Amino acid sequence: YIPAVLVANHGPFVWGSDCFEAVHNSVVLEELSAMAWITKTLRLD
């Protein structure tokens, strides 16, 4: 249920049942990270 993690001072780790699922999970993580960054940029609180 948690196919990816961002490690502080490192970067992302992702996994899946095969390389295609791992890449998909990487893309999802990237998109969610961008959404979080935009949210915090627009509204710090």
ModelCIF file with pLDDT and N, C-alpha, C, O atoms, coordinates in Angstrom:
data_MODEL
#
_entry.id   MODEL 
#
_entity.id                         1 
_entity.type                       polymer 
_entity.pdbx_number_of_molecules   1 
#
_entity_poly.entity_id                      1 
_entity_poly.type                           'polypeptide(L)' 
_entity_poly.nstd_linkage                   no 
_entity_poly.nstd_monomer                   no 
_entity_poly.pdbx_seq_one_letter_code       YIPAVLVANHGPFVWGSDCFEAVHNSVVLEELSAMAWITKTLRLD 
_entity_poly.pdbx_seq_one_letter_code_can   YIPAVLVANHGPFVWGSDCFEAVHNSVVLEELSAMAWITKTLRLD 
_entity_poly.pdbx_strand_id                 A 
#
loop_
_entity_poly_seq.entity_id 
_entity_poly_seq.num 
_entity_poly_seq.mon_id 
_entity_poly_seq.hetero 
1 1  TYR n 
1 2  ILE n 
1 3  PRO n 
1 4  ALA n 
1 5  VAL n 
1 6  LEU n 
1 7  VAL n 
1 8  ALA n 
1 9  ASN n 
1 10 HIS n 
1 11 GLY n 
1 12 PRO n 
1 13 PHE n 
1 14 VAL n 
1 15 TRP n 
1 16 GLY n 
1 17 SER n 
1 18 ASP n 
1 19 CYS n 
1 20 PHE n 
1 21 GLU n 
1 22 ALA n 
1 23 VAL n 
1 24 HIS n 
1 25 ASN n 
1 26 SER n 
1 27 VAL n 
1 28 VAL n 
1 29 LEU n 
1 30 GLU n 
1 31 GLU n 
1 32 LEU n 
1 33 SER n 
1 34 ALA n 
1 35 MET n 
1 36 ALA n 
1 37 TRP n 
1 38 ILE n 
1 39 THR n 
1 40 LYS n 
1 41 THR n 
1 42 LEU n 
1 43 ARG n 
1 44 LEU n 
1 45 ASP n 
#
_struct_asym.id          A 
_struct_asym.entity_id   1 
#
loop_
_ma_qa_metric.id 
_ma_qa_metric.mode 
_ma_qa_metric.name 
_ma_qa_metric.software_group_id 
_ma_qa_metric.type 
1 global pLDDT . pLDDT 
2 local  pLDDT . pLDDT 
#
_ma_qa_metric_global.metric_id      1 
_ma_qa_metric_global.metric_value   91.60 
_ma_qa_metric_global.model_id       1 
_ma_qa_metric_global.ordinal_id     1 
#
loop_
_ma_qa_metric_local.label_asym_id 
_ma_qa_metric_local.label_comp_id 
_ma_qa_metric_local.label_seq_id 
_ma_qa_metric_local.metric_id 
_ma_qa_metric_local.metric_value 
_ma_qa_metric_local.model_id 
_ma_qa_metric_local.ordinal_id 
A TYR 1  2 85.00 1 1  
A ILE 2  2 86.00 1 2  
A PRO 3  2 91.00 1 3  
A ALA 4  2 92.00 1 4  
A VAL 5  2 89.00 1 5  
A LEU 6  2 85.00 1 6  
A VAL 7  2 82.00 1 7  
A ALA 8  2 78.00 1 8  
A ASN 9  2 79.00 1 9  
A HIS 10 2 83.00 1 10 
A GLY 11 2 84.00 1 11 
A PRO 12 2 90.00 1 12 
A PHE 13 2 92.00 1 13 
A VAL 14 2 93.00 1 14 
A TRP 15 2 93.00 1 15 
A GLY 16 2 94.00 1 16 
A SER 17 2 94.00 1 17 
A ASP 18 2 96.00 1 18 
A CYS 19 2 96.00 1 19 
A PHE 20 2 97.00 1 20 
A GLU 21 2 96.00 1 21 
A ALA 22 2 95.00 1 22 
A VAL 23 2 96.00 1 23 
A HIS 24 2 97.00 1 24 
A ASN 25 2 95.00 1 25 
A SER 26 2 95.00 1 26 
A VAL 27 2 96.00 1 27 
A VAL 28 2 95.00 1 28 
A LEU 29 2 94.00 1 29 
A GLU 30 2 94.00 1 30 
A GLU 31 2 95.00 1 31 
A LEU 32 2 92.00 1 32 
A SER 33 2 92.00 1 33 
A ALA 34 2 95.00 1 34 
A MET 35 2 94.00 1 35 
A ALA 36 2 91.00 1 36 
A TRP 37 2 92.00 1 37 
A ILE 38 2 95.00 1 38 
A THR 39 2 93.00 1 39 
A LYS 40 2 91.00 1 40 
A THR 41 2 94.00 1 41 
A LEU 42 2 95.00 1 42 
A ARG 43 2 92.00 1 43 
A LEU 44 2 88.00 1 44 
A ASP 45 2 91.00 1 45 
#
loop_
_atom_site.group_PDB 
_atom_site.id 
_atom_site.type_symbol 
_atom_site.label_atom_id 
_atom_site.label_alt_id 
_atom_site.label_comp_id 
_atom_site.label_asym_id 
_atom_site.label_entity_id 
_atom_site.label_seq_id 
_atom_site.pdbx_PDB_ins_code 
_atom_site.Cartn_x 
_atom_site.Cartn_y 
_atom_site.Cartn_z 
_atom_site.occupancy 
_atom_site.B_iso_or_equiv 
_atom_site.pdbx_formal_charge 
_atom_site.auth_seq_id 
_atom_site.auth_comp_id 
_atom_site.auth_asym_id 
_atom_site.auth_atom_id 
_atom_site.pdbx_PDB_model_num 
ATOM 1   N N  . TYR A 1 1  ? 0.808  -1.219 0.000   1.00 85.00 ? 1  TYR A N  1 
ATOM 2   C CA . TYR A 1 1  ? 0.000  0.000  0.000   1.00 85.00 ? 1  TYR A CA 1 
ATOM 3   C C  . TYR A 1 1  ? 0.840  1.268  0.000   1.00 85.00 ? 1  TYR A C  1 
ATOM 4   O O  . TYR A 1 1  ? 0.323  2.359  -0.242  1.00 85.00 ? 1  TYR A O  1 
ATOM 5   N N  . ILE A 1 2  ? 2.120  1.131  0.267   1.00 86.00 ? 2  ILE A N  1 
ATOM 6   C CA . ILE A 1 2  ? 3.026  2.273  0.282   1.00 86.00 ? 2  ILE A CA 1 
ATOM 7   C C  . ILE A 1 2  ? 4.177  1.915  -0.652  1.00 86.00 ? 2  ILE A C  1 
ATOM 8   O O  . ILE A 1 2  ? 5.211  1.428  -0.196  1.00 86.00 ? 2  ILE A O  1 
ATOM 9   N N  . PRO A 1 3  ? 4.008  2.152  -1.976  1.00 91.00 ? 3  PRO A N  1 
ATOM 10  C CA . PRO A 1 3  ? 5.017  1.702  -2.940  1.00 91.00 ? 3  PRO A CA 1 
ATOM 11  C C  . PRO A 1 3  ? 6.140  2.710  -3.209  1.00 91.00 ? 3  PRO A C  1 
ATOM 12  O O  . PRO A 1 3  ? 6.882  2.570  -4.180  1.00 91.00 ? 3  PRO A O  1 
ATOM 13  N N  . ALA A 1 4  ? 6.260  3.711  -2.359  1.00 92.00 ? 4  ALA A N  1 
ATOM 14  C CA . ALA A 1 4  ? 7.314  4.703  -2.578  1.00 92.00 ? 4  ALA A CA 1 
ATOM 15  C C  . ALA A 1 4  ? 7.566  5.463  -1.283  1.00 92.00 ? 4  ALA A C  1 
ATOM 16  O O  . ALA A 1 4  ? 6.698  5.556  -0.415  1.00 92.00 ? 4  ALA A O  1 
ATOM 17  N N  . VAL A 1 5  ? 8.773  6.001  -1.177  1.00 89.00 ? 5  VAL A N  1 
ATOM 18  C CA . VAL A 1 5  ? 9.113  6.806  -0.007  1.00 89.00 ? 5  VAL A CA 1 
ATOM 19  C C  . VAL A 1 5  ? 10.189 7.815  -0.404  1.00 89.00 ? 5  VAL A C  1 
ATOM 20  O O  . VAL A 1 5  ? 11.089 7.509  -1.186  1.00 89.00 ? 5  VAL A O  1 
ATOM 21  N N  . LEU A 1 6  ? 10.080 9.005  0.142   1.00 85.00 ? 6  LEU A N  1 
ATOM 22  C CA . LEU A 1 6  ? 11.134 10.009 -0.006  1.00 85.00 ? 6  LEU A CA 1 
ATOM 23  C C  . LEU A 1 6  ? 11.970 9.978  1.261   1.00 85.00 ? 6  LEU A C  1 
ATOM 24  O O  . LEU A 1 6  ? 11.432 10.106 2.360   1.00 85.00 ? 6  LEU A O  1 
ATOM 25  N N  . VAL A 1 7  ? 13.262 9.813  1.123   1.00 82.00 ? 7  VAL A N  1 
ATOM 26  C CA . VAL A 1 7  ? 14.154 9.762  2.276   1.00 82.00 ? 7  VAL A CA 1 
ATOM 27  C C  . VAL A 1 7  ? 14.848 11.108 2.394   1.00 82.00 ? 7  VAL A C  1 
ATOM 28  O O  . VAL A 1 7  ? 15.444 11.599 1.435   1.00 82.00 ? 7  VAL A O  1 
ATOM 29  N N  . ALA A 1 8  ? 14.766 11.700 3.579   1.00 78.00 ? 8  ALA A N  1 
ATOM 30  C CA . ALA A 1 8  ? 15.381 13.008 3.809   1.00 78.00 ? 8  ALA A CA 1 
ATOM 31  C C  . ALA A 1 8  ? 16.858 12.969 3.447   1.00 78.00 ? 8  ALA A C  1 
ATOM 32  O O  . ALA A 1 8  ? 17.560 12.005 3.751   1.00 78.00 ? 8  ALA A O  1 
ATOM 33  N N  . ASN A 1 9  ? 17.315 14.020 2.800   1.00 79.00 ? 9  ASN A N  1 
ATOM 34  C CA . ASN A 1 9  ? 18.711 14.164 2.381   1.00 79.00 ? 9  ASN A CA 1 
ATOM 35  C C  . ASN A 1 9  ? 19.168 13.071 1.417   1.00 79.00 ? 9  ASN A C  1 
ATOM 36  O O  . ASN A 1 9  ? 20.363 12.811 1.277   1.00 79.00 ? 9  ASN A O  1 
ATOM 37  N N  . HIS A 1 10 ? 18.220 12.452 0.772   1.00 83.00 ? 10 HIS A N  1 
ATOM 38  C CA . HIS A 1 10 ? 18.582 11.420 -0.193  1.00 83.00 ? 10 HIS A CA 1 
ATOM 39  C C  . HIS A 1 10 ? 17.765 11.586 -1.456  1.00 83.00 ? 10 HIS A C  1 
ATOM 40  O O  . HIS A 1 10 ? 18.194 12.273 -2.384  1.00 83.00 ? 10 HIS A O  1 
ATOM 41  N N  . GLY A 1 11 ? 16.611 10.978 -1.509  1.00 84.00 ? 11 GLY A N  1 
ATOM 42  C CA . GLY A 1 11 ? 15.767 11.025 -2.688  1.00 84.00 ? 11 GLY A CA 1 
ATOM 43  C C  . GLY A 1 11 ? 14.724 9.926  -2.625  1.00 84.00 ? 11 GLY A C  1 
ATOM 44  O O  . GLY A 1 11 ? 14.507 9.330  -1.570  1.00 84.00 ? 11 GLY A O  1 
ATOM 45  N N  . PRO A 1 12 ? 14.077 9.654  -3.750  1.00 90.00 ? 12 PRO A N  1 
ATOM 46  C CA . PRO A 1 12 ? 12.982 8.687  -3.746  1.00 90.00 ? 12 PRO A CA 1 
ATOM 47  C C  . PRO A 1 12 ? 13.454 7.241  -3.873  1.00 90.00 ? 12 PRO A C  1 
ATOM 48  O O  . PRO A 1 12 ? 14.473 6.943  -4.497  1.00 90.00 ? 12 PRO A O  1 
ATOM 49  N N  . PHE A 1 13 ? 12.682 6.369  -3.264  1.00 92.00 ? 13 PHE A N  1 
ATOM 50  C CA . PHE A 1 13 ? 12.796 4.932  -3.469  1.00 92.00 ? 13 PHE A CA 1 
ATOM 51  C C  . PHE A 1 13 ? 11.407 4.467  -3.868  1.00 92.00 ? 13 PHE A C  1 
ATOM 52  O O  . PHE A 1 13 ? 10.430 4.820  -3.207  1.00 92.00 ? 13 PHE A O  1 
ATOM 53  N N  . VAL A 1 14 ? 11.296 3.700  -4.911  1.00 93.00 ? 14 VAL A N  1 
ATOM 54  C CA . VAL A 1 14 ? 10.006 3.169  -5.359  1.00 93.00 ? 14 VAL A CA 1 
ATOM 55  C C  . VAL A 1 14 ? 10.172 1.692  -5.691  1.00 93.00 ? 14 VAL A C  1 
ATOM 56  O O  . VAL A 1 14 ? 11.280 1.223  -5.954  1.00 93.00 ? 14 VAL A O  1 
ATOM 57  N N  . TRP A 1 15 ? 9.056  0.964  -5.675  1.00 93.00 ? 15 TRP A N  1 
ATOM 58  C CA . TRP A 1 15 ? 9.083  -0.451 -6.011  1.00 93.00 ? 15 TRP A CA 1 
ATOM 59  C C  . TRP A 1 15 ? 7.736  -0.848 -6.585  1.00 93.00 ? 15 TRP A C  1 
ATOM 60  O O  . TRP A 1 15 ? 6.774  -0.081 -6.537  1.00 93.00 ? 15 TRP A O  1 
ATOM 61  N N  . GLY A 1 16 ? 7.681  -2.030 -7.118  1.00 94.00 ? 16 GLY A N  1 
ATOM 62  C CA . GLY A 1 16 ? 6.461  -2.577 -7.693  1.00 94.00 ? 16 GLY A CA 1 
ATOM 63  C C  . GLY A 1 16 ? 6.672  -4.039 -8.008  1.00 94.00 ? 16 GLY A C  1 
ATOM 64  O O  . GLY A 1 16 ? 7.752  -4.586 -7.782  1.00 94.00 ? 16 GLY A O  1 
ATOM 65  N N  . SER A 1 17 ? 5.631  -4.672 -8.535  1.00 94.00 ? 17 SER A N  1 
ATOM 66  C CA . SER A 1 17 ? 5.719  -6.104 -8.843  1.00 94.00 ? 17 SER A CA 1 
ATOM 67  C C  . SER A 1 17 ? 6.631  -6.359 -10.041 1.00 94.00 ? 17 SER A C  1 
ATOM 68  O O  . SER A 1 17 ? 7.121  -7.473 -10.226 1.00 94.00 ? 17 SER A O  1 
ATOM 69  N N  . ASP A 1 18 ? 6.856  -5.331 -10.849 1.00 96.00 ? 18 ASP A N  1 
ATOM 70  C CA . ASP A 1 18 ? 7.799  -5.412 -11.968 1.00 96.00 ? 18 ASP A CA 1 
ATOM 71  C C  . ASP A 1 18 ? 8.318  -4.006 -12.252 1.00 96.00 ? 18 ASP A C  1 
ATOM 72  O O  . ASP A 1 18 ? 7.918  -3.044 -11.596 1.00 96.00 ? 18 ASP A O  1 
ATOM 73  N N  . CYS A 1 19 ? 9.209  -3.894 -13.231 1.00 96.00 ? 19 CYS A N  1 
ATOM 74  C CA . CYS A 1 19 ? 9.822  -2.582 -13.502 1.00 96.00 ? 19 CYS A CA 1 
ATOM 75  C C  . CYS A 1 19 ? 8.793  -1.566 -13.992 1.00 96.00 ? 19 CYS A C  1 
ATOM 76  O O  . CYS A 1 19 ? 8.940  -0.373 -13.725 1.00 96.00 ? 19 CYS A O  1 
ATOM 77  N N  . PHE A 1 20 ? 7.774  -2.004 -14.691 1.00 97.00 ? 20 PHE A N  1 
ATOM 78  C CA . PHE A 1 20 ? 6.763  -1.085 -15.207 1.00 97.00 ? 20 PHE A CA 1 
ATOM 79  C C  . PHE A 1 20 ? 5.932  -0.482 -14.070 1.00 97.00 ? 20 PHE A C  1 
ATOM 80  O O  . PHE A 1 20 ? 5.631  0.712  -14.077 1.00 97.00 ? 20 PHE A O  1 
ATOM 81  N N  . GLU A 1 21 ? 5.570  -1.308 -13.109 1.00 96.00 ? 21 GLU A N  1 
ATOM 82  C CA . GLU A 1 21 ? 4.824  -0.797 -11.955 1.00 96.00 ? 21 GLU A CA 1 
ATOM 83  C C  . GLU A 1 21 ? 5.699  0.128  -11.115 1.00 96.00 ? 21 GLU A C  1 
ATOM 84  O O  . GLU A 1 21 ? 5.206  1.124  -10.587 1.00 96.00 ? 21 GLU A O  1 
ATOM 85  N N  . ALA A 1 22 ? 6.967  -0.179 -10.983 1.00 95.00 ? 22 ALA A N  1 
ATOM 86  C CA . ALA A 1 22 ? 7.873  0.690  -10.225 1.00 95.00 ? 22 ALA A CA 1 
ATOM 87  C C  . ALA A 1 22 ? 7.997  2.058  -10.900 1.00 95.00 ? 22 ALA A C  1 
ATOM 88  O O  . ALA A 1 22 ? 8.002  3.085  -10.222 1.00 95.00 ? 22 ALA A O  1 
ATOM 89  N N  . VAL A 1 23 ? 8.097  2.073  -12.229 1.00 96.00 ? 23 VAL A N  1 
ATOM 90  C CA . VAL A 1 23 ? 8.166  3.355  -12.945 1.00 96.00 ? 23 VAL A CA 1 
ATOM 91  C C  . VAL A 1 23 ? 6.854  4.109  -12.778 1.00 96.00 ? 23 VAL A C  1 
ATOM 92  O O  . VAL A 1 23 ? 6.864  5.321  -12.561 1.00 96.00 ? 23 VAL A O  1 
ATOM 93  N N  . HIS A 1 24 ? 5.729  3.414  -12.876 1.00 97.00 ? 24 HIS A N  1 
ATOM 94  C CA . HIS A 1 24 ? 4.425  4.058  -12.658 1.00 97.00 ? 24 HIS A CA 1 
ATOM 95  C C  . HIS A 1 24 ? 4.384  4.695  -11.265 1.00 97.00 ? 24 HIS A C  1 
ATOM 96  O O  . HIS A 1 24 ? 3.967  5.843  -11.117 1.00 97.00 ? 24 HIS A O  1 
ATOM 97  N N  . ASN A 1 25 ? 4.816  3.952  -10.252 1.00 95.00 ? 25 ASN A N  1 
ATOM 98  C CA . ASN A 1 25 ? 4.813  4.477  -8.888  1.00 95.00 ? 25 ASN A CA 1 
ATOM 99  C C  . ASN A 1 25 ? 5.741  5.681  -8.759  1.00 95.00 ? 25 ASN A C  1 
ATOM 100 O O  . ASN A 1 25 ? 5.461  6.597  -7.986  1.00 95.00 ? 25 ASN A O  1 
ATOM 101 N N  . SER A 1 26 ? 6.837  5.688  -9.505  1.00 95.00 ? 26 SER A N  1 
ATOM 102 C CA . SER A 1 26 ? 7.741  6.826  -9.498  1.00 95.00 ? 26 SER A CA 1 
ATOM 103 C C  . SER A 1 26 ? 7.060  8.065  -10.086 1.00 95.00 ? 26 SER A C  1 
ATOM 104 O O  . SER A 1 26 ? 7.206  9.167  -9.558  1.00 95.00 ? 26 SER A O  1 
ATOM 105 N N  . VAL A 1 27 ? 6.324  7.881  -11.168 1.00 96.00 ? 27 VAL A N  1 
ATOM 106 C CA . VAL A 1 27 ? 5.609  8.998  -11.792 1.00 96.00 ? 27 VAL A CA 1 
ATOM 107 C C  . VAL A 1 27 ? 4.534  9.537  -10.840 1.00 96.00 ? 27 VAL A C  1 
ATOM 108 O O  . VAL A 1 27 ? 4.365  10.749 -10.711 1.00 96.00 ? 27 VAL A O  1 
ATOM 109 N N  . VAL A 1 28 ? 3.818  8.640  -10.182 1.00 95.00 ? 28 VAL A N  1 
ATOM 110 C CA . VAL A 1 28 ? 2.790  9.054  -9.216  1.00 95.00 ? 28 VAL A CA 1 
ATOM 111 C C  . VAL A 1 28 ? 3.435  9.832  -8.073  1.00 95.00 ? 28 VAL A C  1 
ATOM 112 O O  . VAL A 1 28 ? 2.919  10.872 -7.665  1.00 95.00 ? 28 VAL A O  1 
ATOM 113 N N  . LEU A 1 29 ? 4.554  9.340  -7.553  1.00 94.00 ? 29 LEU A N  1 
ATOM 114 C CA . LEU A 1 29 ? 5.255  10.037 -6.473  1.00 94.00 ? 29 LEU A CA 1 
ATOM 115 C C  . LEU A 1 29 ? 5.686  11.432 -6.909  1.00 94.00 ? 29 LEU A C  1 
ATOM 116 O O  . LEU A 1 29 ? 5.550  12.395 -6.154  1.00 94.00 ? 29 LEU A O  1 
ATOM 117 N N  . GLU A 1 30 ? 6.202  11.535 -8.122  1.00 94.00 ? 30 GLU A N  1 
ATOM 118 C CA . GLU A 1 30 ? 6.630  12.831 -8.646  1.00 94.00 ? 30 GLU A CA 1 
ATOM 119 C C  . GLU A 1 30 ? 5.453  13.804 -8.738  1.00 94.00 ? 30 GLU A C  1 
ATOM 120 O O  . GLU A 1 30 ? 5.574  14.970 -8.362  1.00 94.00 ? 30 GLU A O  1 
ATOM 121 N N  . GLU A 1 31 ? 4.330  13.324 -9.232  1.00 95.00 ? 31 GLU A N  1 
ATOM 122 C CA . GLU A 1 31 ? 3.136  14.174 -9.364  1.00 95.00 ? 31 GLU A CA 1 
ATOM 123 C C  . GLU A 1 31 ? 2.616  14.613 -7.993  1.00 95.00 ? 31 GLU A C  1 
ATOM 124 O O  . GLU A 1 31 ? 2.284  15.781 -7.793  1.00 95.00 ? 31 GLU A O  1 
ATOM 125 N N  . LEU A 1 32 ? 2.548  13.682 -7.067  1.00 92.00 ? 32 LEU A N  1 
ATOM 126 C CA . LEU A 1 32 ? 2.089  14.035 -5.714  1.00 92.00 ? 32 LEU A CA 1 
ATOM 127 C C  . LEU A 1 32 ? 3.044  15.023 -5.046  1.00 92.00 ? 32 LEU A C  1 
ATOM 128 O O  . LEU A 1 32 ? 2.611  15.941 -4.349  1.00 92.00 ? 32 LEU A O  1 
ATOM 129 N N  . SER A 1 33 ? 4.336  14.829 -5.261  1.00 92.00 ? 33 SER A N  1 
ATOM 130 C CA . SER A 1 33 ? 5.323  15.759 -4.700  1.00 92.00 ? 33 SER A CA 1 
ATOM 131 C C  . SER A 1 33 ? 5.142  17.158 -5.278  1.00 92.00 ? 33 SER A C  1 
ATOM 132 O O  . SER A 1 33 ? 5.227  18.153 -4.557  1.00 92.00 ? 33 SER A O  1 
ATOM 133 N N  . ALA A 1 34 ? 4.894  17.226 -6.578  1.00 95.00 ? 34 ALA A N  1 
ATOM 134 C CA . ALA A 1 34 ? 4.667  18.529 -7.212  1.00 95.00 ? 34 ALA A CA 1 
ATOM 135 C C  . ALA A 1 34 ? 3.416  19.188 -6.652  1.00 95.00 ? 34 ALA A C  1 
ATOM 136 O O  . ALA A 1 34 ? 3.412  20.389 -6.384  1.00 95.00 ? 34 ALA A O  1 
ATOM 137 N N  . MET A 1 35 ? 2.355  18.407 -6.474  1.00 94.00 ? 35 MET A N  1 
ATOM 138 C CA . MET A 1 35 ? 1.115  18.959 -5.909  1.00 94.00 ? 35 MET A CA 1 
ATOM 139 C C  . MET A 1 35 ? 1.350  19.479 -4.493  1.00 94.00 ? 35 MET A C  1 
ATOM 140 O O  . MET A 1 35 ? 0.857  20.548 -4.132  1.00 94.00 ? 35 MET A O  1 
ATOM 141 N N  . ALA A 1 36 ? 2.101  18.725 -3.693  1.00 91.00 ? 36 ALA A N  1 
ATOM 142 C CA . ALA A 1 36 ? 2.388  19.155 -2.320  1.00 91.00 ? 36 ALA A CA 1 
ATOM 143 C C  . ALA A 1 36 ? 3.218  20.433 -2.317  1.00 91.00 ? 36 ALA A C  1 
ATOM 144 O O  . ALA A 1 36 ? 2.953  21.344 -1.533  1.00 91.00 ? 36 ALA A O  1 
ATOM 145 N N  . TRP A 1 37 ? 4.223  20.505 -3.190  1.00 92.00 ? 37 TRP A N  1 
ATOM 146 C CA . TRP A 1 37 ? 5.065  21.696 -3.267  1.00 92.00 ? 37 TRP A CA 1 
ATOM 147 C C  . TRP A 1 37 ? 4.244  22.915 -3.685  1.00 92.00 ? 37 TRP A C  1 
ATOM 148 O O  . TRP A 1 37 ? 4.388  23.991 -3.105  1.00 92.00 ? 37 TRP A O  1 
ATOM 149 N N  . ILE A 1 38 ? 3.393  22.751 -4.678  1.00 95.00 ? 38 ILE A N  1 
ATOM 150 C CA . ILE A 1 38 ? 2.547  23.867 -5.129  1.00 95.00 ? 38 ILE A CA 1 
ATOM 151 C C  . ILE A 1 38 ? 1.610  24.303 -4.013  1.00 95.00 ? 38 ILE A C  1 
ATOM 152 O O  . ILE A 1 38 ? 1.430  25.498 -3.779  1.00 95.00 ? 38 ILE A O  1 
ATOM 153 N N  . THR A 1 39 ? 1.018  23.345 -3.330  1.00 93.00 ? 39 THR A N  1 
ATOM 154 C CA . THR A 1 39 ? 0.110  23.671 -2.222  1.00 93.00 ? 39 THR A CA 1 
ATOM 155 C C  . THR A 1 39 ? 0.834  24.485 -1.156  1.00 93.00 ? 39 THR A C  1 
ATOM 156 O O  . THR A 1 39 ? 0.327  25.516 -0.711  1.00 93.00 ? 39 THR A O  1 
ATOM 157 N N  . LYS A 1 40 ? 2.006  24.033 -0.747  1.00 91.00 ? 40 LYS A N  1 
ATOM 158 C CA . LYS A 1 40 ? 2.764  24.747 0.292   1.00 91.00 ? 40 LYS A CA 1 
ATOM 159 C C  . LYS A 1 40 ? 3.266  26.098 -0.205  1.00 91.00 ? 40 LYS A C  1 
ATOM 160 O O  . LYS A 1 40 ? 3.370  27.045 0.574   1.00 91.00 ? 40 LYS A O  1 
ATOM 161 N N  . THR A 1 41 ? 3.575  26.195 -1.483  1.00 94.00 ? 41 THR A N  1 
ATOM 162 C CA . THR A 1 41 ? 4.039  27.458 -2.050  1.00 94.00 ? 41 THR A CA 1 
ATOM 163 C C  . THR A 1 41 ? 2.919  28.495 -2.056  1.00 94.00 ? 41 THR A C  1 
ATOM 164 O O  . THR A 1 41 ? 3.137  29.665 -1.740  1.00 94.00 ? 41 THR A O  1 
ATOM 165 N N  . LEU A 1 42 ? 1.721  28.051 -2.419  1.00 95.00 ? 42 LEU A N  1 
ATOM 166 C CA . LEU A 1 42 ? 0.591  28.967 -2.479  1.00 95.00 ? 42 LEU A CA 1 
ATOM 167 C C  . LEU A 1 42 ? 0.068  29.337 -1.096  1.00 95.00 ? 42 LEU A C  1 
ATOM 168 O O  . LEU A 1 42 ? -0.436 30.440 -0.883  1.00 95.00 ? 42 LEU A O  1 
ATOM 169 N N  . ARG A 1 43 ? 0.195  28.404 -0.163  1.00 92.00 ? 43 ARG A N  1 
ATOM 170 C CA . ARG A 1 43 ? -0.355 28.649 1.164   1.00 92.00 ? 43 ARG A CA 1 
ATOM 171 C C  . ARG A 1 43 ? 0.510  27.951 2.214   1.00 92.00 ? 43 ARG A C  1 
ATOM 172 O O  . ARG A 1 43 ? 0.369  26.752 2.455   1.00 92.00 ? 43 ARG A O  1 
ATOM 173 N N  . LEU A 1 44 ? 1.385  28.705 2.819   1.00 88.00 ? 44 LEU A N  1 
ATOM 174 C CA . LEU A 1 44 ? 2.329  28.144 3.781   1.00 88.00 ? 44 LEU A CA 1 
ATOM 175 C C  . LEU A 1 44 ? 1.667  27.544 5.010   1.00 88.00 ? 44 LEU A C  1 
ATOM 176 O O  . LEU A 1 44 ? 2.221  26.640 5.635   1.00 88.00 ? 44 LEU A O  1 
ATOM 177 N N  . ASP A 1 45 ? 0.487  28.040 5.359   1.00 91.00 ? 45 ASP A N  1 
ATOM 178 C CA . ASP A 1 45 ? -0.165 27.563 6.578   1.00 91.00 ? 45 ASP A CA 1 
ATOM 179 C C  . ASP A 1 45 ? -1.093 26.372 6.326   1.00 91.00 ? 45 ASP A C  1 
ATOM 180 O O  . ASP A 1 45 ? -1.712 25.863 7.261   1.00 91.00 ? 45 ASP A O  1 
#
